[in-house]
């Protein structure tokens, strides 16, 4: 809790994906169980039940968060986007009538596809045997934990390597 304002300062939901479409929250009312959002694909305001959105939404991640989750440099991701190896995510725009282009936002599915792609990309000079060495990529379980903002517990083995250990979340 923030001592000055007396409320939780955790990151609030501003952008989200619902049914594969990028939305921006305009108004939220828990009392009315109502969420009014801007649908960027349709270009208009839409109203949803807040409980349905909370059950079915996927978070929207800007490039700064995608870089931390995937473990690749921002320029590497952009280079593969412009080469056509990766699909461009949906882009936001200003809601003042000019539709000035804004940030790109990746959905959780987009990040999973990006992870699948980078597992097949070799890092460095080609090997003589033709095998692929993707480098230090996080595992799928680590990616899922980072997207769900779960804690990851690592244990150091006898060789000095850190190995992720998964346990059931306690409720």
N, C-alpha and C. Protein backbone atom coordinates (compact mmCIF):
# COMPACT_ATOMS: atom_id res chain seq x y z
N UNK A 1 0.84 -1.17 0.00
CA UNK A 1 0.00 0.00 0.00
C UNK A 1 0.88 1.24 0.00
N UNK A 2 0.47 2.20 -0.74
CA UNK A 2 1.19 3.47 -0.79
C UNK A 2 0.73 4.32 0.39
N UNK A 3 1.68 4.77 1.20
CA UNK A 3 1.32 5.50 2.40
C UNK A 3 0.71 6.86 2.09
N UNK A 4 1.06 7.47 0.96
CA UNK A 4 0.53 8.79 0.64
C UNK A 4 -0.90 8.73 0.14
N UNK A 5 -1.19 7.77 -0.69
CA UNK A 5 -2.51 7.73 -1.32
C UNK A 5 -3.46 6.75 -0.63
N UNK A 6 -2.90 5.79 0.14
CA UNK A 6 -3.75 4.85 0.85
C UNK A 6 -4.38 3.80 -0.05
N UNK A 7 -3.77 3.53 -1.19
CA UNK A 7 -4.31 2.50 -2.08
C UNK A 7 -3.16 1.71 -2.68
N UNK A 8 -3.49 0.61 -3.27
CA UNK A 8 -2.50 -0.28 -3.86
C UNK A 8 -1.92 0.37 -5.11
N UNK A 9 -0.59 0.41 -5.21
CA UNK A 9 0.04 1.04 -6.37
C UNK A 9 0.51 0.00 -7.38
N UNK A 10 0.02 -1.24 -7.27
CA UNK A 10 0.40 -2.27 -8.23
C UNK A 10 -0.08 -1.85 -9.62
N UNK A 11 0.60 -2.40 -10.61
CA UNK A 11 0.26 -2.04 -11.98
C UNK A 11 -1.18 -2.43 -12.29
N UNK A 12 -1.95 -1.48 -12.74
CA UNK A 12 -3.35 -1.74 -13.07
C UNK A 12 -3.47 -2.13 -14.53
N UNK A 13 -4.52 -2.83 -14.82
CA UNK A 13 -4.78 -3.27 -16.17
C UNK A 13 -5.16 -2.08 -17.03
N UNK A 14 -4.36 -1.76 -18.03
CA UNK A 14 -4.68 -0.67 -18.96
C UNK A 14 -4.94 -1.22 -20.35
N UNK A 15 -4.07 -2.10 -20.82
CA UNK A 15 -4.22 -2.73 -22.13
C UNK A 15 -4.36 -4.23 -21.91
N UNK A 16 -5.21 -4.86 -22.70
CA UNK A 16 -5.39 -6.30 -22.60
C UNK A 16 -5.87 -6.84 -23.94
N UNK A 17 -5.73 -8.14 -24.10
CA UNK A 17 -6.25 -8.84 -25.28
C UNK A 17 -7.46 -9.64 -24.85
N UNK A 18 -8.50 -9.59 -25.66
CA UNK A 18 -9.69 -10.39 -25.45
C UNK A 18 -10.12 -10.89 -26.82
N UNK A 19 -10.24 -12.18 -26.96
CA UNK A 19 -10.59 -12.82 -28.24
C UNK A 19 -9.60 -12.41 -29.34
N UNK A 20 -8.34 -12.26 -29.00
CA UNK A 20 -7.31 -11.95 -29.99
C UNK A 20 -7.27 -10.50 -30.43
N UNK A 21 -8.01 -9.62 -29.75
CA UNK A 21 -8.05 -8.21 -30.13
C UNK A 21 -7.50 -7.35 -29.00
N UNK A 22 -6.75 -6.33 -29.36
CA UNK A 22 -6.17 -5.41 -28.39
C UNK A 22 -7.23 -4.41 -27.93
N UNK A 23 -7.31 -4.20 -26.62
CA UNK A 23 -8.26 -3.27 -26.01
C UNK A 23 -7.52 -2.36 -25.05
N UNK A 24 -8.07 -1.16 -24.85
CA UNK A 24 -7.59 -0.24 -23.84
C UNK A 24 -8.74 0.08 -22.90
N UNK A 25 -8.49 -0.03 -21.60
CA UNK A 25 -9.52 0.24 -20.61
C UNK A 25 -9.82 1.74 -20.59
N UNK A 26 -11.09 2.07 -20.73
CA UNK A 26 -11.53 3.46 -20.63
C UNK A 26 -12.17 3.71 -19.27
N UNK A 27 -13.04 2.79 -18.86
CA UNK A 27 -13.73 2.94 -17.58
C UNK A 27 -13.99 1.56 -17.00
N UNK A 28 -13.84 1.47 -15.67
CA UNK A 28 -14.07 0.20 -14.97
C UNK A 28 -14.92 0.49 -13.74
N UNK A 29 -15.95 -0.35 -13.54
CA UNK A 29 -16.81 -0.19 -12.38
C UNK A 29 -17.08 -1.57 -11.78
N UNK A 30 -16.52 -1.82 -10.61
CA UNK A 30 -16.76 -3.10 -9.94
C UNK A 30 -18.20 -3.19 -9.47
N UNK A 31 -18.76 -2.09 -9.02
CA UNK A 31 -20.13 -2.10 -8.50
C UNK A 31 -21.14 -2.50 -9.59
N UNK A 32 -20.92 -2.02 -10.80
CA UNK A 32 -21.82 -2.33 -11.92
C UNK A 32 -21.38 -3.56 -12.70
N UNK A 33 -20.20 -4.13 -12.33
CA UNK A 33 -19.60 -5.26 -13.06
C UNK A 33 -19.50 -4.89 -14.55
N UNK A 34 -18.91 -3.73 -14.80
CA UNK A 34 -18.85 -3.18 -16.15
C UNK A 34 -17.44 -2.71 -16.47
N UNK A 35 -17.00 -3.01 -17.67
CA UNK A 35 -15.74 -2.50 -18.17
C UNK A 35 -15.99 -1.95 -19.57
N UNK A 36 -15.68 -0.68 -19.75
CA UNK A 36 -15.79 -0.05 -21.06
C UNK A 36 -14.38 0.09 -21.60
N UNK A 37 -14.17 -0.40 -22.81
CA UNK A 37 -12.83 -0.41 -23.39
C UNK A 37 -12.89 0.02 -24.85
N UNK A 38 -11.73 0.40 -25.38
CA UNK A 38 -11.60 0.74 -26.79
C UNK A 38 -11.06 -0.48 -27.52
N UNK A 39 -11.79 -0.93 -28.52
CA UNK A 39 -11.35 -2.05 -29.36
C UNK A 39 -10.60 -1.45 -30.54
N UNK A 40 -9.28 -1.67 -30.59
CA UNK A 40 -8.45 -1.06 -31.63
C UNK A 40 -8.75 -1.62 -33.02
N UNK A 41 -9.15 -2.87 -33.10
CA UNK A 41 -9.44 -3.46 -34.41
C UNK A 41 -10.73 -2.89 -35.00
N UNK A 42 -11.78 -2.78 -34.18
CA UNK A 42 -13.06 -2.23 -34.65
C UNK A 42 -13.04 -0.71 -34.69
N UNK A 43 -12.21 -0.09 -33.85
CA UNK A 43 -12.15 1.36 -33.80
C UNK A 43 -13.33 1.99 -33.10
N UNK A 44 -13.84 1.31 -32.06
CA UNK A 44 -14.97 1.86 -31.32
C UNK A 44 -14.98 1.35 -29.89
N UNK A 45 -15.80 2.02 -29.05
CA UNK A 45 -15.94 1.62 -27.66
C UNK A 45 -16.81 0.38 -27.57
N UNK A 46 -16.45 -0.49 -26.64
CA UNK A 46 -17.23 -1.69 -26.39
C UNK A 46 -17.39 -1.85 -24.89
N UNK A 47 -18.46 -2.52 -24.46
CA UNK A 47 -18.72 -2.76 -23.04
C UNK A 47 -18.69 -4.26 -22.79
N UNK A 48 -18.04 -4.65 -21.70
CA UNK A 48 -17.94 -6.05 -21.32
C UNK A 48 -18.28 -6.19 -19.84
N UNK A 49 -18.63 -7.39 -19.46
CA UNK A 49 -18.78 -7.73 -18.06
C UNK A 49 -17.36 -7.82 -17.47
N UNK A 50 -17.14 -7.17 -16.35
CA UNK A 50 -15.81 -7.13 -15.73
C UNK A 50 -15.37 -8.53 -15.32
N UNK A 51 -16.28 -9.35 -14.83
CA UNK A 51 -15.89 -10.71 -14.43
C UNK A 51 -15.49 -11.55 -15.63
N UNK A 52 -16.19 -11.38 -16.77
CA UNK A 52 -15.82 -12.12 -17.98
C UNK A 52 -14.45 -11.69 -18.48
N UNK A 53 -14.16 -10.41 -18.43
CA UNK A 53 -12.85 -9.92 -18.87
C UNK A 53 -11.76 -10.48 -17.97
N UNK A 54 -11.99 -10.47 -16.66
CA UNK A 54 -10.98 -10.99 -15.74
C UNK A 54 -10.74 -12.47 -15.93
N UNK A 55 -11.74 -13.22 -16.35
CA UNK A 55 -11.57 -14.66 -16.59
C UNK A 55 -10.85 -14.95 -17.90
N UNK A 56 -11.15 -14.20 -18.95
CA UNK A 56 -10.72 -14.56 -20.30
C UNK A 56 -9.64 -13.67 -20.92
N UNK A 57 -9.19 -12.67 -20.22
CA UNK A 57 -8.22 -11.73 -20.80
C UNK A 57 -6.84 -12.34 -20.88
N UNK A 58 -6.06 -11.78 -21.80
CA UNK A 58 -4.63 -12.02 -21.85
C UNK A 58 -3.97 -10.67 -21.69
N UNK A 59 -2.90 -10.63 -20.94
CA UNK A 59 -2.21 -9.37 -20.75
C UNK A 59 -1.55 -8.91 -22.04
N UNK A 60 -1.44 -7.61 -22.20
CA UNK A 60 -0.76 -7.01 -23.35
C UNK A 60 0.60 -6.50 -22.87
N UNK A 61 1.66 -6.92 -23.53
CA UNK A 61 3.02 -6.59 -23.10
C UNK A 61 3.69 -5.67 -24.11
N UNK A 62 4.24 -4.54 -23.66
CA UNK A 62 5.05 -3.69 -24.55
C UNK A 62 6.42 -4.34 -24.77
N UNK A 63 7.19 -3.81 -25.69
CA UNK A 63 8.49 -4.39 -26.05
C UNK A 63 9.43 -4.45 -24.85
N UNK A 64 9.34 -3.47 -23.94
CA UNK A 64 10.24 -3.47 -22.78
C UNK A 64 10.03 -4.69 -21.88
N UNK A 65 8.80 -5.18 -21.77
CA UNK A 65 8.53 -6.36 -20.97
C UNK A 65 8.80 -7.64 -21.75
N UNK A 66 8.56 -7.63 -23.06
CA UNK A 66 8.83 -8.80 -23.89
C UNK A 66 10.31 -9.13 -23.87
N UNK A 67 11.16 -8.10 -23.90
CA UNK A 67 12.61 -8.30 -23.87
C UNK A 67 13.01 -9.03 -22.59
N UNK A 68 12.43 -8.67 -21.46
CA UNK A 68 12.76 -9.32 -20.19
C UNK A 68 12.27 -10.76 -20.15
N UNK A 69 11.11 -11.03 -20.74
CA UNK A 69 10.54 -12.37 -20.71
C UNK A 69 11.30 -13.31 -21.64
N UNK A 70 11.55 -12.88 -22.89
CA UNK A 70 12.18 -13.73 -23.89
C UNK A 70 13.68 -13.85 -23.68
N UNK A 71 14.30 -12.79 -23.19
CA UNK A 71 15.75 -12.83 -22.98
C UNK A 71 16.54 -12.48 -24.22
N UNK A 72 15.95 -11.79 -25.16
CA UNK A 72 16.63 -11.33 -26.37
C UNK A 72 16.64 -9.81 -26.38
N UNK A 73 17.60 -9.23 -27.08
CA UNK A 73 17.70 -7.78 -27.16
C UNK A 73 16.57 -7.23 -28.02
N UNK A 74 16.17 -6.01 -27.72
CA UNK A 74 15.09 -5.35 -28.46
C UNK A 74 15.40 -5.26 -29.95
N UNK A 75 16.65 -4.95 -30.29
CA UNK A 75 17.02 -4.85 -31.70
C UNK A 75 16.93 -6.20 -32.41
N UNK A 76 17.23 -7.28 -31.71
CA UNK A 76 17.12 -8.62 -32.30
C UNK A 76 15.68 -8.93 -32.64
N UNK A 77 14.78 -8.61 -31.72
CA UNK A 77 13.36 -8.86 -31.96
C UNK A 77 12.87 -8.02 -33.14
N UNK A 78 13.24 -6.74 -33.16
CA UNK A 78 12.82 -5.86 -34.25
C UNK A 78 13.39 -6.32 -35.59
N UNK A 79 14.63 -6.80 -35.59
CA UNK A 79 15.24 -7.26 -36.83
C UNK A 79 14.47 -8.44 -37.41
N UNK A 80 14.07 -9.38 -36.54
CA UNK A 80 13.29 -10.53 -37.02
C UNK A 80 11.88 -10.12 -37.43
N UNK A 81 11.33 -9.08 -36.81
CA UNK A 81 10.02 -8.58 -37.24
C UNK A 81 10.11 -8.02 -38.65
N UNK A 82 11.11 -7.19 -38.90
CA UNK A 82 11.25 -6.56 -40.22
C UNK A 82 11.66 -7.54 -41.30
N UNK A 83 12.36 -8.61 -40.92
CA UNK A 83 12.71 -9.66 -41.88
C UNK A 83 11.51 -10.51 -42.25
N UNK A 84 10.48 -10.47 -41.41
CA UNK A 84 9.28 -11.27 -41.68
C UNK A 84 9.30 -12.61 -40.98
N UNK A 85 10.28 -12.86 -40.13
CA UNK A 85 10.34 -14.12 -39.39
C UNK A 85 9.28 -14.18 -38.30
N UNK A 86 8.97 -13.03 -37.73
CA UNK A 86 7.95 -12.93 -36.69
C UNK A 86 6.82 -12.04 -37.19
N UNK A 87 5.63 -12.29 -36.67
CA UNK A 87 4.46 -11.49 -37.04
C UNK A 87 4.42 -10.23 -36.18
N UNK A 88 4.14 -9.09 -36.81
CA UNK A 88 3.99 -7.84 -36.06
C UNK A 88 2.77 -7.95 -35.15
N UNK A 89 2.90 -7.49 -33.91
CA UNK A 89 1.74 -7.52 -33.01
C UNK A 89 0.81 -6.36 -33.32
N UNK A 90 -0.31 -6.30 -32.61
CA UNK A 90 -1.24 -5.20 -32.81
C UNK A 90 -0.67 -3.93 -32.21
N UNK A 91 -1.00 -2.82 -32.84
CA UNK A 91 -0.46 -1.53 -32.44
C UNK A 91 -1.57 -0.64 -31.90
N UNK A 92 -1.25 0.08 -30.85
CA UNK A 92 -2.21 1.05 -30.32
C UNK A 92 -2.08 2.35 -31.12
N UNK A 93 -3.04 3.23 -30.92
CA UNK A 93 -2.99 4.55 -31.54
C UNK A 93 -3.70 5.52 -30.62
N UNK A 94 -3.48 6.81 -30.87
CA UNK A 94 -4.09 7.82 -30.01
C UNK A 94 -5.60 7.85 -30.24
N UNK A 95 -6.32 8.17 -29.20
CA UNK A 95 -7.78 8.19 -29.27
C UNK A 95 -8.32 9.60 -29.42
N UNK A 96 -7.48 10.54 -29.89
CA UNK A 96 -7.92 11.93 -30.02
C UNK A 96 -8.48 12.23 -31.41
N UNK A 97 -8.64 11.23 -32.24
CA UNK A 97 -9.20 11.44 -33.58
C UNK A 97 -8.14 11.41 -34.67
N UNK A 98 -6.88 11.66 -34.33
CA UNK A 98 -5.81 11.65 -35.33
C UNK A 98 -5.30 10.25 -35.62
N UNK A 99 -5.52 9.31 -34.70
CA UNK A 99 -5.02 7.94 -34.80
C UNK A 99 -3.51 7.91 -35.02
N UNK A 100 -2.80 8.71 -34.24
CA UNK A 100 -1.35 8.71 -34.29
C UNK A 100 -0.85 7.36 -33.79
N UNK A 101 -0.01 6.66 -34.57
CA UNK A 101 0.45 5.33 -34.14
C UNK A 101 1.18 5.38 -32.81
N UNK A 102 0.92 4.35 -32.00
CA UNK A 102 1.53 4.26 -30.67
C UNK A 102 2.38 3.01 -30.55
N UNK A 103 2.37 2.42 -29.37
CA UNK A 103 3.19 1.25 -29.07
C UNK A 103 2.60 -0.01 -29.67
N UNK A 104 3.48 -0.98 -29.90
CA UNK A 104 3.06 -2.33 -30.22
C UNK A 104 2.87 -3.08 -28.92
N UNK A 105 1.84 -3.94 -28.86
CA UNK A 105 1.59 -4.75 -27.69
C UNK A 105 1.47 -6.21 -28.11
N UNK A 106 2.22 -7.07 -27.42
CA UNK A 106 2.20 -8.50 -27.69
C UNK A 106 1.25 -9.19 -26.72
N UNK A 107 0.51 -10.17 -27.22
CA UNK A 107 -0.34 -10.98 -26.34
C UNK A 107 0.50 -12.14 -25.81
N UNK A 108 -0.06 -12.89 -24.88
CA UNK A 108 0.63 -14.05 -24.33
C UNK A 108 0.86 -15.10 -25.43
N UNK A 109 -0.09 -15.25 -26.34
CA UNK A 109 0.09 -16.18 -27.46
C UNK A 109 1.22 -15.73 -28.38
N UNK A 110 1.32 -14.42 -28.62
CA UNK A 110 2.41 -13.88 -29.45
C UNK A 110 3.77 -14.20 -28.83
N UNK A 111 3.86 -14.09 -27.51
CA UNK A 111 5.13 -14.36 -26.82
C UNK A 111 5.46 -15.85 -26.91
N UNK A 112 4.45 -16.71 -26.80
CA UNK A 112 4.70 -18.16 -26.95
C UNK A 112 5.20 -18.48 -28.35
N UNK A 113 4.61 -17.86 -29.38
CA UNK A 113 5.08 -18.08 -30.76
C UNK A 113 6.50 -17.56 -30.94
N UNK A 114 6.80 -16.41 -30.33
CA UNK A 114 8.14 -15.85 -30.42
C UNK A 114 9.15 -16.79 -29.76
N UNK A 115 8.79 -17.36 -28.63
CA UNK A 115 9.68 -18.31 -27.95
C UNK A 115 9.92 -19.54 -28.82
N UNK A 116 8.86 -20.06 -29.44
CA UNK A 116 9.01 -21.21 -30.34
C UNK A 116 9.94 -20.88 -31.50
N UNK A 117 9.85 -19.65 -32.02
CA UNK A 117 10.71 -19.25 -33.13
C UNK A 117 12.17 -19.16 -32.68
N UNK A 118 12.42 -18.50 -31.56
CA UNK A 118 13.81 -18.29 -31.12
C UNK A 118 14.48 -19.58 -30.68
N UNK A 119 13.70 -20.63 -30.37
CA UNK A 119 14.31 -21.93 -30.08
C UNK A 119 14.94 -22.54 -31.32
N UNK A 120 14.50 -22.11 -32.50
CA UNK A 120 15.01 -22.68 -33.75
C UNK A 120 16.09 -21.81 -34.40
N UNK A 121 16.45 -20.67 -33.78
CA UNK A 121 17.43 -19.76 -34.34
C UNK A 121 18.78 -20.03 -33.69
N UNK A 122 19.78 -20.29 -34.52
CA UNK A 122 21.13 -20.56 -34.01
C UNK A 122 21.81 -19.26 -33.62
N UNK A 123 22.57 -19.32 -32.53
CA UNK A 123 23.30 -18.14 -32.07
C UNK A 123 24.76 -18.29 -32.45
N UNK A 124 25.28 -17.30 -33.17
CA UNK A 124 26.70 -17.34 -33.55
C UNK A 124 26.92 -17.91 -34.94
N UNK A 125 28.16 -18.26 -35.21
CA UNK A 125 28.51 -18.83 -36.51
C UNK A 125 27.91 -20.21 -36.66
N UNK A 126 27.62 -20.63 -37.88
CA UNK A 126 27.03 -21.96 -38.08
C UNK A 126 27.97 -23.07 -37.60
N UNK A 127 27.39 -24.11 -37.05
CA UNK A 127 28.17 -25.26 -36.61
C UNK A 127 28.46 -26.16 -37.79
N UNK A 128 29.55 -26.90 -37.73
CA UNK A 128 29.92 -27.81 -38.82
C UNK A 128 28.94 -28.97 -38.93
N UNK A 129 28.37 -29.38 -37.80
CA UNK A 129 27.43 -30.51 -37.85
C UNK A 129 26.00 -30.08 -38.17
N UNK A 130 25.76 -28.77 -38.32
CA UNK A 130 24.43 -28.27 -38.70
C UNK A 130 23.44 -28.18 -37.56
N UNK A 131 23.85 -28.49 -36.35
CA UNK A 131 22.95 -28.42 -35.20
C UNK A 131 22.68 -26.97 -34.82
N UNK A 132 21.63 -26.76 -34.05
CA UNK A 132 21.23 -25.41 -33.64
C UNK A 132 21.52 -25.23 -32.15
N UNK A 133 22.18 -24.14 -31.82
CA UNK A 133 22.43 -23.77 -30.43
C UNK A 133 21.72 -22.44 -30.19
N UNK A 134 20.56 -22.46 -29.55
CA UNK A 134 19.80 -21.22 -29.39
C UNK A 134 20.37 -20.27 -28.35
N UNK A 135 21.36 -20.66 -27.58
CA UNK A 135 21.91 -19.78 -26.55
C UNK A 135 21.16 -19.95 -25.24
N UNK A 136 21.27 -18.97 -24.39
CA UNK A 136 20.64 -19.04 -23.08
C UNK A 136 19.19 -18.59 -23.16
N UNK A 137 18.34 -19.49 -23.57
CA UNK A 137 16.91 -19.20 -23.68
C UNK A 137 16.20 -19.72 -22.43
N UNK A 138 15.23 -18.99 -21.93
CA UNK A 138 14.43 -19.53 -20.83
C UNK A 138 13.54 -20.67 -21.34
N UNK A 139 13.21 -21.58 -20.45
CA UNK A 139 12.34 -22.69 -20.84
C UNK A 139 10.90 -22.19 -20.95
N UNK A 140 10.03 -23.03 -21.52
CA UNK A 140 8.62 -22.66 -21.66
C UNK A 140 7.99 -22.44 -20.29
N UNK A 141 8.36 -23.28 -19.31
CA UNK A 141 7.80 -23.13 -17.97
C UNK A 141 8.24 -21.81 -17.34
N UNK A 142 9.49 -21.39 -17.58
CA UNK A 142 9.96 -20.11 -17.06
C UNK A 142 9.22 -18.95 -17.72
N UNK A 143 8.97 -19.07 -19.03
CA UNK A 143 8.22 -18.03 -19.75
C UNK A 143 6.80 -17.91 -19.18
N UNK A 144 6.16 -19.04 -18.98
CA UNK A 144 4.79 -19.03 -18.43
C UNK A 144 4.78 -18.41 -17.03
N UNK A 145 5.78 -18.75 -16.22
CA UNK A 145 5.84 -18.20 -14.86
C UNK A 145 6.06 -16.70 -14.89
N UNK A 146 6.90 -16.21 -15.82
CA UNK A 146 7.13 -14.77 -15.91
C UNK A 146 5.88 -14.03 -16.39
N UNK A 147 5.14 -14.64 -17.32
CA UNK A 147 3.92 -13.99 -17.80
C UNK A 147 2.85 -13.96 -16.72
N UNK A 148 2.79 -14.99 -15.89
CA UNK A 148 1.79 -15.03 -14.82
C UNK A 148 2.32 -14.38 -13.55
N UNK A 149 3.54 -13.87 -13.59
CA UNK A 149 4.19 -13.19 -12.48
C UNK A 149 4.25 -14.07 -11.24
N UNK A 150 4.61 -15.34 -11.47
CA UNK A 150 4.79 -16.28 -10.37
C UNK A 150 6.25 -16.27 -9.96
N UNK A 151 6.52 -16.72 -8.76
CA UNK A 151 7.89 -16.83 -8.29
C UNK A 151 8.52 -18.10 -8.83
N UNK A 152 9.79 -18.02 -9.19
CA UNK A 152 10.53 -19.17 -9.68
C UNK A 152 11.61 -19.46 -8.65
N UNK A 153 11.64 -20.68 -8.16
CA UNK A 153 12.61 -21.08 -7.17
C UNK A 153 13.73 -21.85 -7.85
N UNK A 154 14.97 -21.43 -7.64
CA UNK A 154 16.14 -22.09 -8.21
C UNK A 154 16.94 -22.76 -7.10
N UNK A 155 17.47 -23.94 -7.40
CA UNK A 155 18.31 -24.68 -6.47
C UNK A 155 19.65 -24.89 -7.14
N UNK A 156 20.72 -24.69 -6.38
CA UNK A 156 22.08 -24.87 -6.90
C UNK A 156 22.49 -26.33 -6.71
N UNK A 157 22.88 -26.99 -7.82
CA UNK A 157 23.29 -28.38 -7.72
C UNK A 157 24.78 -28.49 -7.39
N UNK A 158 25.30 -29.70 -7.36
CA UNK A 158 26.70 -29.92 -6.99
C UNK A 158 27.69 -29.30 -7.97
N UNK A 159 27.29 -29.16 -9.23
CA UNK A 159 28.17 -28.58 -10.25
C UNK A 159 28.15 -27.05 -10.23
N UNK A 160 27.33 -26.45 -9.41
CA UNK A 160 27.26 -25.00 -9.32
C UNK A 160 26.23 -24.38 -10.26
N UNK A 161 25.43 -25.20 -10.95
CA UNK A 161 24.40 -24.70 -11.87
C UNK A 161 23.10 -24.48 -11.08
N UNK A 162 22.37 -23.47 -11.49
CA UNK A 162 21.08 -23.20 -10.88
C UNK A 162 20.00 -23.89 -11.70
N UNK A 163 19.18 -24.69 -11.05
CA UNK A 163 18.13 -25.46 -11.72
C UNK A 163 16.79 -25.00 -11.18
N UNK A 164 15.82 -24.66 -12.07
CA UNK A 164 14.51 -24.24 -11.56
C UNK A 164 13.76 -25.41 -10.93
N UNK A 165 13.14 -25.15 -9.81
CA UNK A 165 12.33 -26.13 -9.10
C UNK A 165 10.92 -25.58 -9.03
N UNK A 166 9.96 -26.36 -9.46
CA UNK A 166 8.57 -25.89 -9.52
C UNK A 166 7.80 -26.51 -8.38
N UNK A 167 6.96 -25.72 -7.75
CA UNK A 167 6.09 -26.24 -6.71
C UNK A 167 4.69 -25.69 -6.92
N UNK A 168 3.74 -26.39 -6.35
CA UNK A 168 2.34 -26.01 -6.46
C UNK A 168 2.12 -24.67 -5.75
N UNK A 169 1.50 -23.69 -6.43
CA UNK A 169 1.22 -22.43 -5.74
C UNK A 169 0.25 -22.65 -4.57
N UNK A 170 0.52 -21.97 -3.49
CA UNK A 170 -0.34 -22.10 -2.31
C UNK A 170 -1.37 -20.98 -2.32
N UNK A 171 -2.60 -21.32 -2.07
CA UNK A 171 -3.69 -20.33 -2.10
C UNK A 171 -4.11 -19.99 -0.73
